[in-house]
Amino acid sequence: MSEELTNQKINWFPGHMSKTLKEIKKLLSNVDVVCYVLDSRAPISSINPSLNKLVNDKPILYIFNKIDMADEKRVKELAKDYKGDKKDYVLLNSTLSGGSKIIKQKINNLAKDKIEKFNKKGIRTIIRAIVIGVPNSGKSTLVNNLCGKAKAITGNRPGVTKQTQWLNIGDNIELCDTPGTLYPNLENQDIAEKLLFIGSVKDEIIIDNYLLAQKLLQLLKEKYPQNVKNRYGDDATLDSIAKKRGFILSKDEFDYERTANAIFDDFRKGRFGRVTLD
């Protein structure tokens, strides 16, 4: 890896994220279960240290979302560390119907102490859960799936959800959807880059996107060489991709910006097949 690829500092923490973290901190005092949505294409990088500090000792359901786009075998290996006392996990494609049942079951199981306590008093209590995660991890799509209808605004880009909202999802569960949040300083640039690759960081903050596209391509070659070969052939370089797709500015100059965007788009739309970066 050339040093020039690491010179570009990636950091994105708009004002609404700071506001959201403060609001989540207040909300958590009245929440029974935390639904932590992770992008299965980069689940470890999807863990937000700022959110971890806020969650503290709350029961957590880790939702490995977008599993249909990820290396399921790899994700299952990683997910083993997310099951134990007061924590559980589920692998999910939140765009498909039918996932709500298992989510509700696991939420109720994590809140069983409260449920049993109120059952002894003859009261059916309300369980309050909150959905958190990095931008563009599929939180609002999950919320809509749980509701059975479109109540949360969705979009295939970071920063769509701007405010929290409480929703009744049935089975005596109330759910709070929150905006995606990163953290004030993305010091680990390997993580920052993976968050950019999966679309959790806005592309607009990047100066030289072709250098990062080159790094994504190299990372995929290391982890999934056959997937890259299937998509781009044996000679998978920015030059060869630009040439094959006709991304040419002049006779001797390739359009690297357009080529880089095409590589990002191929990755984000699953055209490399099912891959997981960490």
Protein backbone atom coordinates (compact mmCIF):
# COMPACT_ATOMS: atom_id res chain seq x y z
CA MET A 1 0.00 0.00 0.00
CA SER A 2 1.56 3.30 -1.02
CA GLU A 3 1.82 6.02 1.59
CA GLU A 4 -0.08 8.49 -0.58
CA LEU A 5 -3.23 6.43 -0.08
CA THR A 6 -3.17 7.15 3.64
CA ASN A 7 -2.59 10.90 3.41
CA GLN A 8 -6.26 11.77 3.03
CA LYS A 9 -7.94 12.35 6.38
CA ILE A 10 -11.55 11.16 6.50
CA ASN A 11 -13.73 12.72 9.16
CA TRP A 12 -17.44 13.55 9.13
CA PHE A 13 -19.36 14.68 12.21
CA PRO A 14 -22.08 17.21 11.30
CA GLY A 15 -23.91 19.12 14.03
CA HIS A 16 -27.01 16.94 14.03
CA MET A 17 -24.90 13.94 15.09
CA SER A 18 -23.67 15.71 18.21
CA LYS A 19 -27.27 16.64 19.00
CA THR A 20 -28.39 13.03 18.41
CA LEU A 21 -25.78 11.58 20.79
CA LYS A 22 -26.98 13.92 23.53
CA GLU A 23 -30.59 12.97 22.85
CA ILE A 24 -29.81 9.24 22.86
CA LYS A 25 -28.10 9.66 26.22
CA LYS A 26 -31.33 11.15 27.65
CA LEU A 27 -33.57 8.55 26.00
CA LEU A 28 -31.58 5.58 27.30
CA SER A 29 -32.69 6.14 30.88
CA ASN A 30 -36.20 5.05 29.82
CA VAL A 31 -35.19 2.32 27.38
CA ASP A 32 -35.28 -1.42 28.13
CA VAL A 33 -33.42 -2.80 25.08
CA VAL A 34 -30.96 -1.31 22.59
CA CYS A 35 -31.17 -2.51 18.97
CA TYR A 36 -27.70 -1.90 17.58
CA VAL A 37 -27.76 -2.07 13.77
CA LEU A 38 -24.48 -3.07 12.10
CA ASP A 39 -23.72 -3.19 8.39
CA SER A 40 -22.66 -6.79 7.70
CA ARG A 41 -20.29 -5.63 4.96
CA ALA A 42 -18.14 -4.00 7.68
CA PRO A 43 -19.68 -4.95 11.05
CA ILE A 44 -16.67 -4.25 13.25
CA SER A 45 -16.17 -0.83 11.68
CA SER A 46 -19.89 -0.18 12.28
CA ILE A 47 -19.33 -0.19 16.05
CA ASN A 48 -19.43 3.42 17.28
CA PRO A 49 -17.32 3.97 20.45
CA SER A 50 -19.43 7.01 21.38
CA LEU A 51 -22.60 4.89 21.30
CA ASN A 52 -20.88 2.09 23.25
CA LYS A 53 -20.16 4.48 26.11
CA LEU A 54 -23.79 5.61 26.21
CA VAL A 55 -25.29 2.11 26.05
CA ASN A 56 -23.33 1.00 29.11
CA ASP A 57 -25.09 -1.98 30.78
CA LYS A 58 -28.34 -1.99 28.78
CA PRO A 59 -29.44 -5.27 27.16
CA ILE A 60 -28.36 -5.12 23.50
CA LEU A 61 -29.62 -6.84 20.38
CA TYR A 62 -26.96 -6.61 17.68
CA ILE A 63 -28.61 -6.67 14.26
CA PHE A 64 -26.17 -7.68 11.52
CA ASN A 65 -28.09 -6.04 8.72
CA LYS A 66 -27.62 -6.29 4.93
CA ILE A 67 -26.58 -9.92 5.37
CA ASP A 68 -27.72 -10.58 1.79
CA MET A 69 -24.79 -8.44 0.58
CA ALA A 70 -22.20 -9.86 2.99
CA ASP A 71 -20.00 -12.92 3.46
CA GLU A 72 -22.36 -14.81 5.74
CA LYS A 73 -19.75 -17.33 6.90
CA ARG A 74 -17.44 -14.52 8.01
CA VAL A 75 -20.26 -12.61 9.69
CA LYS A 76 -21.35 -15.70 11.64
CA GLU A 77 -17.79 -16.09 12.95
CA LEU A 78 -17.75 -12.46 14.11
CA ALA A 79 -21.26 -12.61 15.55
CA LYS A 80 -20.34 -15.29 18.10
CA ASP A 81 -18.75 -12.57 20.23
CA TYR A 82 -22.06 -10.71 20.41
CA LYS A 83 -24.06 -13.33 22.28
CA GLY A 84 -24.01 -13.71 26.05
CA ASP A 85 -25.41 -12.25 29.23
CA LYS A 86 -27.66 -9.30 28.31
CA LYS A 87 -26.70 -9.44 24.65
CA ASP A 88 -27.83 -11.32 21.57
CA TYR A 89 -27.63 -11.01 17.81
CA VAL A 90 -29.53 -11.71 14.61
CA LEU A 91 -28.46 -11.81 10.97
CA LEU A 92 -30.94 -9.90 8.86
CA ASN A 93 -31.91 -8.44 5.51
CA SER A 94 -34.22 -5.68 6.68
CA THR A 95 -35.61 -5.12 3.17
CA LEU A 96 -37.38 -8.49 3.32
CA SER A 97 -40.66 -9.01 5.13
CA GLY A 98 -40.75 -11.65 7.84
CA GLY A 99 -37.82 -10.43 9.89
CA SER A 100 -39.97 -8.60 12.42
CA LYS A 101 -41.04 -11.74 14.28
CA ILE A 102 -37.54 -12.80 15.31
CA ILE A 103 -36.58 -9.24 16.23
CA LYS A 104 -39.60 -8.87 18.52
CA GLN A 105 -38.91 -12.27 20.09
CA LYS A 106 -35.33 -11.35 20.88
CA ILE A 107 -36.32 -7.92 22.24
CA ASN A 108 -38.82 -9.56 24.58
CA ASN A 109 -36.28 -12.19 25.61
CA LEU A 110 -33.73 -9.52 26.49
CA ALA A 111 -36.40 -7.70 28.52
CA LYS A 112 -37.74 -10.87 30.19
CA ASP A 113 -36.83 -9.75 33.72
CA LYS A 114 -39.05 -6.68 33.41
CA ILE A 115 -41.82 -8.67 31.71
CA GLU A 116 -41.80 -11.35 34.43
CA LYS A 117 -41.78 -8.72 37.16
CA PHE A 118 -44.93 -7.08 35.81
CA ASN A 119 -46.57 -10.41 34.94
CA LYS A 120 -46.44 -11.34 38.61
CA LYS A 121 -48.49 -8.22 39.28
CA GLY A 122 -50.94 -9.15 36.55
CA ILE A 123 -49.78 -6.30 34.34
CA ARG A 124 -48.71 -6.55 30.70
CA THR A 125 -45.98 -3.96 30.47
CA ILE A 126 -44.71 -1.95 27.53
CA ILE A 127 -41.16 -2.70 26.39
CA ARG A 128 -39.28 0.29 25.03
CA ALA A 129 -36.47 -0.27 22.57
CA ILE A 130 -34.21 2.14 20.71
CA VAL A 131 -32.56 1.65 17.31
CA ILE A 132 -29.01 3.01 16.98
CA GLY A 133 -26.17 2.65 14.50
CA VAL A 134 -23.94 4.38 11.98
CA PRO A 135 -25.52 6.22 9.01
CA ASN A 136 -26.89 4.18 6.12
CA SER A 137 -26.85 0.89 8.05
CA GLY A 138 -30.54 0.31 7.29
CA LYS A 139 -32.07 1.42 10.59
CA SER A 140 -35.11 3.15 9.13
CA THR A 141 -35.76 0.29 6.69
CA LEU A 142 -35.70 -2.03 9.69
CA VAL A 143 -38.13 0.21 11.59
CA ASN A 144 -40.53 0.23 8.64
CA ASN A 145 -40.28 -3.57 8.45
CA LEU A 146 -41.12 -3.84 12.14
CA CYS A 147 -44.05 -1.45 11.76
CA GLY A 148 -45.36 -3.21 8.69
CA LYS A 149 -45.60 0.10 6.85
CA ALA A 150 -43.44 3.06 5.83
CA LYS A 151 -43.28 5.33 8.86
CA ALA A 152 -39.59 6.21 8.73
CA ILE A 153 -37.91 8.04 5.85
CA THR A 154 -35.34 5.89 4.08
CA GLY A 155 -32.65 6.48 1.47
CA ASN A 156 -29.48 4.83 0.18
CA ARG A 157 -27.23 7.59 1.51
CA PRO A 158 -26.05 8.77 4.94
CA GLY A 159 -27.90 11.42 6.91
CA VAL A 160 -31.50 10.76 5.76
CA THR A 161 -33.01 10.42 9.24
CA LYS A 162 -32.62 13.78 11.02
CA GLN A 163 -34.61 13.32 14.23
CA THR A 164 -35.78 10.68 16.67
CA GLN A 165 -39.31 9.31 16.57
CA TRP A 166 -41.22 6.82 18.74
CA LEU A 167 -43.33 4.16 17.01
CA ASN A 168 -45.59 1.35 18.19
CA ILE A 169 -44.55 -1.89 16.48
CA GLY A 170 -47.04 -4.19 18.20
CA ASP A 171 -46.55 -6.99 20.75
CA ASN A 172 -46.43 -4.29 23.44
CA ILE A 173 -43.17 -2.90 22.06
CA GLU A 174 -42.47 0.78 21.42
CA LEU A 175 -39.48 1.56 19.25
CA CYS A 176 -37.46 4.75 18.88
CA ASP A 177 -35.77 5.36 15.53
CA THR A 178 -32.70 7.60 15.73
CA PRO A 179 -30.49 9.30 13.14
CA GLY A 180 -27.26 7.53 12.23
CA THR A 181 -24.29 8.74 14.21
CA LEU A 182 -20.53 8.55 13.84
CA TYR A 183 -18.10 9.97 16.39
CA PRO A 184 -16.25 13.28 16.69
CA ASN A 185 -12.85 12.06 15.52
CA LEU A 186 -12.37 9.10 13.20
CA GLU A 187 -8.76 8.52 14.29
CA ASN A 188 -8.53 5.02 12.83
CA GLN A 189 -8.46 5.72 9.11
CA ASP A 190 -8.84 2.04 8.16
CA ILE A 191 -12.21 2.15 9.90
CA ALA A 192 -13.02 5.55 8.39
CA GLU A 193 -12.30 4.23 4.91
CA LYS A 194 -14.51 1.17 5.39
CA LEU A 195 -17.31 3.43 6.62
CA LEU A 196 -16.88 5.48 3.46
CA PHE A 197 -16.92 2.35 1.29
CA ILE A 198 -20.25 1.15 2.75
CA GLY A 199 -21.76 4.62 2.40
CA SER A 200 -21.82 5.70 6.06
CA VAL A 201 -19.68 8.76 5.28
CA LYS A 202 -20.65 11.30 2.62
CA ASP A 203 -18.61 11.02 -0.56
CA GLU A 204 -18.65 14.80 -0.88
CA ILE A 205 -16.02 15.22 1.86
CA ILE A 206 -13.46 13.27 -0.17
CA ILE A 207 -10.91 15.17 -2.25
CA ASP A 208 -9.23 12.36 -4.22
CA ASN A 209 -11.81 9.61 -4.51
CA TYR A 210 -9.73 7.66 -7.03
CA LEU A 211 -7.05 6.98 -4.37
CA LEU A 212 -9.68 5.53 -2.07
CA ALA A 213 -11.24 3.54 -4.90
CA GLN A 214 -7.76 2.13 -5.54
CA LYS A 215 -7.54 1.15 -1.87
CA LEU A 216 -11.00 -0.49 -1.94
CA LEU A 217 -10.00 -2.43 -5.02
CA GLN A 218 -6.79 -3.60 -3.35
CA LEU A 219 -8.67 -4.62 -0.19
CA LEU A 220 -11.16 -6.65 -2.24
CA LYS A 221 -8.32 -8.29 -4.18
CA GLU A 222 -6.73 -9.38 -0.90
CA LYS A 223 -9.93 -10.75 0.63
CA TYR A 224 -12.02 -11.79 -2.36
CA PRO A 225 -9.77 -12.07 -5.45
CA GLN A 226 -12.22 -14.25 -7.37
CA ASN A 227 -15.04 -11.77 -6.82
CA VAL A 228 -12.91 -8.99 -8.31
CA LYS A 229 -11.90 -11.20 -11.22
CA ASN A 230 -15.53 -12.08 -11.90
CA ARG A 231 -16.44 -8.40 -12.03
CA TYR A 232 -13.46 -6.82 -13.79
CA GLY A 233 -11.41 -9.65 -15.27
CA ASP A 234 -7.78 -10.60 -14.62
CA ASP A 235 -6.34 -7.10 -14.95
CA ALA A 236 -8.37 -5.14 -12.42
CA THR A 237 -6.79 -1.68 -12.20
CA LEU A 238 -8.32 1.78 -12.41
CA ASP A 239 -6.77 2.16 -15.87
CA SER A 240 -8.16 -1.12 -17.19
CA ILE A 241 -11.61 -0.47 -15.70
CA ALA A 242 -11.70 3.05 -17.15
CA LYS A 243 -10.63 1.72 -20.57
CA LYS A 244 -13.22 -1.08 -20.61
CA ARG A 245 -16.02 1.28 -19.62
CA GLY A 246 -14.98 4.09 -21.90
CA PHE A 247 -14.31 6.55 -19.08
CA ILE A 248 -11.87 8.65 -21.10
CA LEU A 249 -11.39 12.41 -21.00
CA SER A 250 -8.97 12.59 -23.91
CA LYS A 251 -6.85 10.28 -26.01
CA ASP A 252 -4.25 9.76 -23.31
CA GLU A 253 -6.20 10.55 -20.14
CA PHE A 254 -8.64 8.40 -18.18
CA ASP A 255 -11.55 9.81 -16.17
CA TYR A 256 -10.44 8.53 -12.77
CA GLU A 257 -13.17 10.30 -10.84
CA ARG A 258 -15.90 8.62 -12.84
CA THR A 259 -14.05 5.28 -12.59
CA ALA A 260 -13.74 5.62 -8.82
CA ASN A 261 -17.44 6.38 -8.47
CA ALA A 262 -18.23 3.31 -10.58
CA ILE A 263 -16.14 1.10 -8.27
CA PHE A 264 -17.86 2.52 -5.17
CA ASP A 265 -21.23 2.01 -6.84
CA ASP A 266 -20.39 -1.58 -7.78
CA PHE A 267 -19.41 -2.34 -4.20
CA ARG A 268 -22.40 -0.64 -2.58
CA LYS A 269 -24.86 -2.33 -4.92
CA GLY A 270 -23.40 -5.78 -4.32
CA ARG A 271 -21.96 -6.32 -7.80
CA PHE A 272 -18.83 -7.92 -6.35
CA GLY A 273 -20.99 -10.55 -4.73
CA ARG A 274 -21.22 -11.13 -1.00
CA VAL A 275 -18.22 -9.61 0.77
CA THR A 276 -17.29 -8.47 4.28
CA LEU A 277 -14.37 -6.10 4.78
CA ASP A 278 -13.61 -6.81 8.45
